[in-house]
């Protein structure tokens, strides 16, 4: 199966998400909906902790990193 070439780079997608989240936070602050911001921040923190908690860090080492040169 051929790899699908993305129209946008990873950096462009990340910047898009950053701007989108910034606009949403700005709108919520503008309408003084701090309780919604508190709930979203709590859910985001729980999601981040779950990702880190279930990450398989045992197999990660300095020798396994592909595409990065090890500077000594």
N, C-alpha and C. Protein backbone atom coordinates (compact mmCIF):
# COMPACT_ATOMS: atom_id res chain seq x y z
N UNK A 1 0.83 -1.16 0.00
CA UNK A 1 0.00 0.00 0.00
C UNK A 1 0.89 1.24 0.00
N UNK A 2 0.64 2.13 -0.88
CA UNK A 2 1.45 3.34 -1.00
C UNK A 2 1.17 4.29 0.15
N UNK A 3 2.22 4.99 0.55
CA UNK A 3 2.06 5.97 1.62
C UNK A 3 1.32 7.19 1.10
N UNK A 4 0.41 7.68 1.92
CA UNK A 4 -0.35 8.87 1.55
C UNK A 4 0.47 10.10 1.91
N UNK A 5 0.72 10.95 0.94
CA UNK A 5 1.50 12.16 1.17
C UNK A 5 0.55 13.25 1.66
N UNK A 6 0.89 13.80 2.82
CA UNK A 6 0.05 14.83 3.42
C UNK A 6 0.23 16.15 2.69
N UNK A 7 -0.84 16.89 2.61
CA UNK A 7 -0.80 18.18 1.94
C UNK A 7 -0.06 19.22 2.77
N UNK A 8 -0.15 19.08 4.10
CA UNK A 8 0.49 20.02 5.01
C UNK A 8 1.54 19.29 5.84
N UNK A 9 2.59 20.00 6.21
CA UNK A 9 3.64 19.40 7.02
C UNK A 9 3.17 19.29 8.48
N UNK A 10 3.94 18.56 9.26
CA UNK A 10 3.60 18.40 10.67
C UNK A 10 3.65 19.73 11.40
N UNK A 11 4.60 20.58 11.03
CA UNK A 11 4.72 21.89 11.67
C UNK A 11 3.51 22.76 11.37
N UNK A 12 3.03 22.72 10.13
CA UNK A 12 1.86 23.51 9.77
C UNK A 12 0.63 23.03 10.52
N UNK A 13 0.47 21.73 10.64
CA UNK A 13 -0.66 21.18 11.38
C UNK A 13 -0.59 21.57 12.85
N UNK A 14 0.61 21.51 13.43
CA UNK A 14 0.77 21.89 14.84
C UNK A 14 0.45 23.36 15.05
N UNK A 15 0.88 24.23 14.14
CA UNK A 15 0.58 25.65 14.25
C UNK A 15 -0.91 25.91 14.10
N UNK A 16 -1.57 25.17 13.21
CA UNK A 16 -3.01 25.30 13.07
C UNK A 16 -3.73 24.96 14.36
N UNK A 17 -3.36 23.83 14.98
CA UNK A 17 -3.98 23.43 16.24
C UNK A 17 -3.70 24.44 17.35
N UNK A 18 -2.48 24.97 17.37
CA UNK A 18 -2.12 25.97 18.37
C UNK A 18 -2.98 27.23 18.24
N UNK A 19 -3.17 27.70 17.01
CA UNK A 19 -4.00 28.88 16.78
C UNK A 19 -5.45 28.58 17.13
N UNK A 20 -5.94 27.41 16.76
CA UNK A 20 -7.32 27.03 17.05
C UNK A 20 -7.59 26.98 18.55
N UNK A 21 -6.70 26.35 19.30
CA UNK A 21 -6.87 26.27 20.75
C UNK A 21 -6.75 27.66 21.37
N UNK A 22 -5.84 28.49 20.87
CA UNK A 22 -5.71 29.85 21.37
C UNK A 22 -6.97 30.68 21.15
N UNK A 23 -7.58 30.51 19.99
CA UNK A 23 -8.82 31.24 19.70
C UNK A 23 -9.95 30.78 20.62
N UNK A 24 -10.05 29.47 20.82
CA UNK A 24 -11.10 28.94 21.70
C UNK A 24 -10.90 29.44 23.13
N UNK A 25 -9.67 29.42 23.62
CA UNK A 25 -9.40 29.92 24.97
C UNK A 25 -9.70 31.41 25.05
N UNK A 26 -9.32 32.16 24.03
CA UNK A 26 -9.62 33.59 24.00
C UNK A 26 -11.11 33.87 24.04
N UNK A 27 -11.88 33.10 23.30
CA UNK A 27 -13.34 33.29 23.30
C UNK A 27 -13.92 32.96 24.67
N UNK A 28 -13.45 31.86 25.28
CA UNK A 28 -13.97 31.49 26.60
C UNK A 28 -13.60 32.53 27.66
N UNK A 29 -12.40 33.08 27.58
CA UNK A 29 -12.01 34.14 28.54
C UNK A 29 -12.83 35.39 28.27
N UNK A 30 -13.07 35.70 27.00
CA UNK A 30 -13.84 36.89 26.66
C UNK A 30 -15.26 36.84 27.19
N UNK A 31 -15.84 35.65 27.19
CA UNK A 31 -17.20 35.48 27.71
C UNK A 31 -17.21 35.09 29.19
N UNK A 32 -16.04 35.16 29.83
CA UNK A 32 -15.86 34.88 31.25
C UNK A 32 -16.42 33.51 31.65
N UNK A 33 -16.09 32.50 30.87
CA UNK A 33 -16.52 31.13 31.16
C UNK A 33 -15.35 30.36 31.76
N UNK A 34 -14.91 30.82 32.93
CA UNK A 34 -13.75 30.23 33.57
C UNK A 34 -14.01 28.82 34.07
N UNK A 35 -15.26 28.52 34.40
CA UNK A 35 -15.57 27.16 34.87
C UNK A 35 -15.36 26.15 33.74
N UNK A 36 -15.70 26.53 32.51
CA UNK A 36 -15.48 25.64 31.37
C UNK A 36 -13.99 25.47 31.12
N UNK A 37 -13.22 26.56 31.25
CA UNK A 37 -11.77 26.48 31.09
C UNK A 37 -11.16 25.56 32.14
N UNK A 38 -11.66 25.65 33.36
CA UNK A 38 -11.16 24.80 34.44
C UNK A 38 -11.41 23.32 34.12
N UNK A 39 -12.60 23.00 33.65
CA UNK A 39 -12.94 21.62 33.31
C UNK A 39 -12.08 21.13 32.14
N UNK A 40 -11.92 21.96 31.11
CA UNK A 40 -11.10 21.58 29.95
C UNK A 40 -9.64 21.38 30.33
N UNK A 41 -9.12 22.24 31.21
CA UNK A 41 -7.74 22.10 31.67
C UNK A 41 -7.56 20.81 32.47
N UNK A 42 -8.54 20.48 33.29
CA UNK A 42 -8.48 19.26 34.09
C UNK A 42 -8.52 18.03 33.18
N UNK A 43 -9.40 18.02 32.21
CA UNK A 43 -9.49 16.90 31.27
C UNK A 43 -8.20 16.78 30.46
N UNK A 44 -7.65 17.90 30.03
CA UNK A 44 -6.40 17.88 29.28
C UNK A 44 -5.25 17.33 30.09
N UNK A 45 -5.19 17.72 31.36
CA UNK A 45 -4.12 17.23 32.24
C UNK A 45 -4.27 15.74 32.49
N UNK A 46 -5.48 15.26 32.69
CA UNK A 46 -5.72 13.83 32.89
C UNK A 46 -5.32 13.05 31.63
N UNK A 47 -5.66 13.57 30.45
CA UNK A 47 -5.28 12.91 29.20
C UNK A 47 -3.77 12.85 29.05
N UNK A 48 -3.08 13.94 29.37
CA UNK A 48 -1.62 13.95 29.29
C UNK A 48 -1.01 12.94 30.25
N UNK A 49 -1.52 12.87 31.46
CA UNK A 49 -1.00 11.91 32.43
C UNK A 49 -1.27 10.47 32.01
N UNK A 50 -2.41 10.22 31.37
CA UNK A 50 -2.70 8.87 30.86
C UNK A 50 -1.75 8.48 29.74
N UNK A 51 -1.46 9.41 28.84
CA UNK A 51 -0.53 9.14 27.75
C UNK A 51 0.85 8.82 28.31
N UNK A 52 1.31 9.61 29.25
CA UNK A 52 2.62 9.37 29.85
C UNK A 52 2.61 8.08 30.66
N UNK A 53 1.52 7.80 31.35
CA UNK A 53 1.43 6.60 32.16
C UNK A 53 1.45 5.32 31.34
N UNK A 54 0.83 5.34 30.17
CA UNK A 54 0.77 4.14 29.35
C UNK A 54 1.87 4.10 28.28
N UNK A 55 2.75 5.07 28.26
CA UNK A 55 3.84 5.08 27.29
C UNK A 55 4.81 3.95 27.62
N UNK A 56 5.27 3.28 26.58
CA UNK A 56 6.21 2.18 26.76
C UNK A 56 7.62 2.75 26.72
N UNK A 57 8.08 3.22 27.86
CA UNK A 57 9.39 3.87 27.92
C UNK A 57 10.52 2.88 28.15
N UNK A 58 10.17 1.64 28.38
CA UNK A 58 11.20 0.65 28.64
C UNK A 58 12.07 0.38 27.41
N UNK A 59 11.47 0.47 26.23
CA UNK A 59 12.19 0.16 25.00
C UNK A 59 12.88 1.38 24.39
N UNK A 60 12.73 2.54 25.00
CA UNK A 60 13.31 3.75 24.46
C UNK A 60 14.71 3.90 25.03
N UNK A 61 15.66 4.10 24.13
CA UNK A 61 17.03 4.31 24.56
C UNK A 61 17.73 5.24 23.60
N UNK A 62 18.92 5.63 23.94
CA UNK A 62 19.66 6.55 23.07
C UNK A 62 20.06 5.86 21.77
N UNK A 63 20.16 4.54 21.76
CA UNK A 63 20.55 3.82 20.55
C UNK A 63 19.37 3.62 19.61
N UNK A 64 18.13 3.67 20.11
CA UNK A 64 16.95 3.40 19.30
C UNK A 64 16.40 4.61 18.57
N UNK A 65 16.90 5.78 18.84
CA UNK A 65 16.34 6.99 18.25
C UNK A 65 16.74 7.06 16.78
N UNK A 66 15.71 7.02 15.91
CA UNK A 66 15.97 7.06 14.47
C UNK A 66 15.89 8.50 13.98
N UNK A 67 16.80 8.88 13.12
CA UNK A 67 16.75 10.19 12.51
C UNK A 67 17.41 11.29 13.31
N UNK A 68 17.93 10.95 14.46
CA UNK A 68 18.59 11.96 15.28
C UNK A 68 20.05 11.55 15.49
N UNK A 69 20.92 12.47 15.31
CA UNK A 69 22.32 12.20 15.55
C UNK A 69 22.62 12.41 17.04
N UNK A 70 23.37 11.51 17.61
CA UNK A 70 23.76 11.63 19.02
C UNK A 70 25.01 12.47 19.09
N UNK A 71 24.92 13.59 19.78
CA UNK A 71 26.06 14.49 19.92
C UNK A 71 26.84 14.11 21.17
N UNK A 72 28.14 14.02 21.02
CA UNK A 72 28.97 13.68 22.17
C UNK A 72 30.04 14.71 22.37
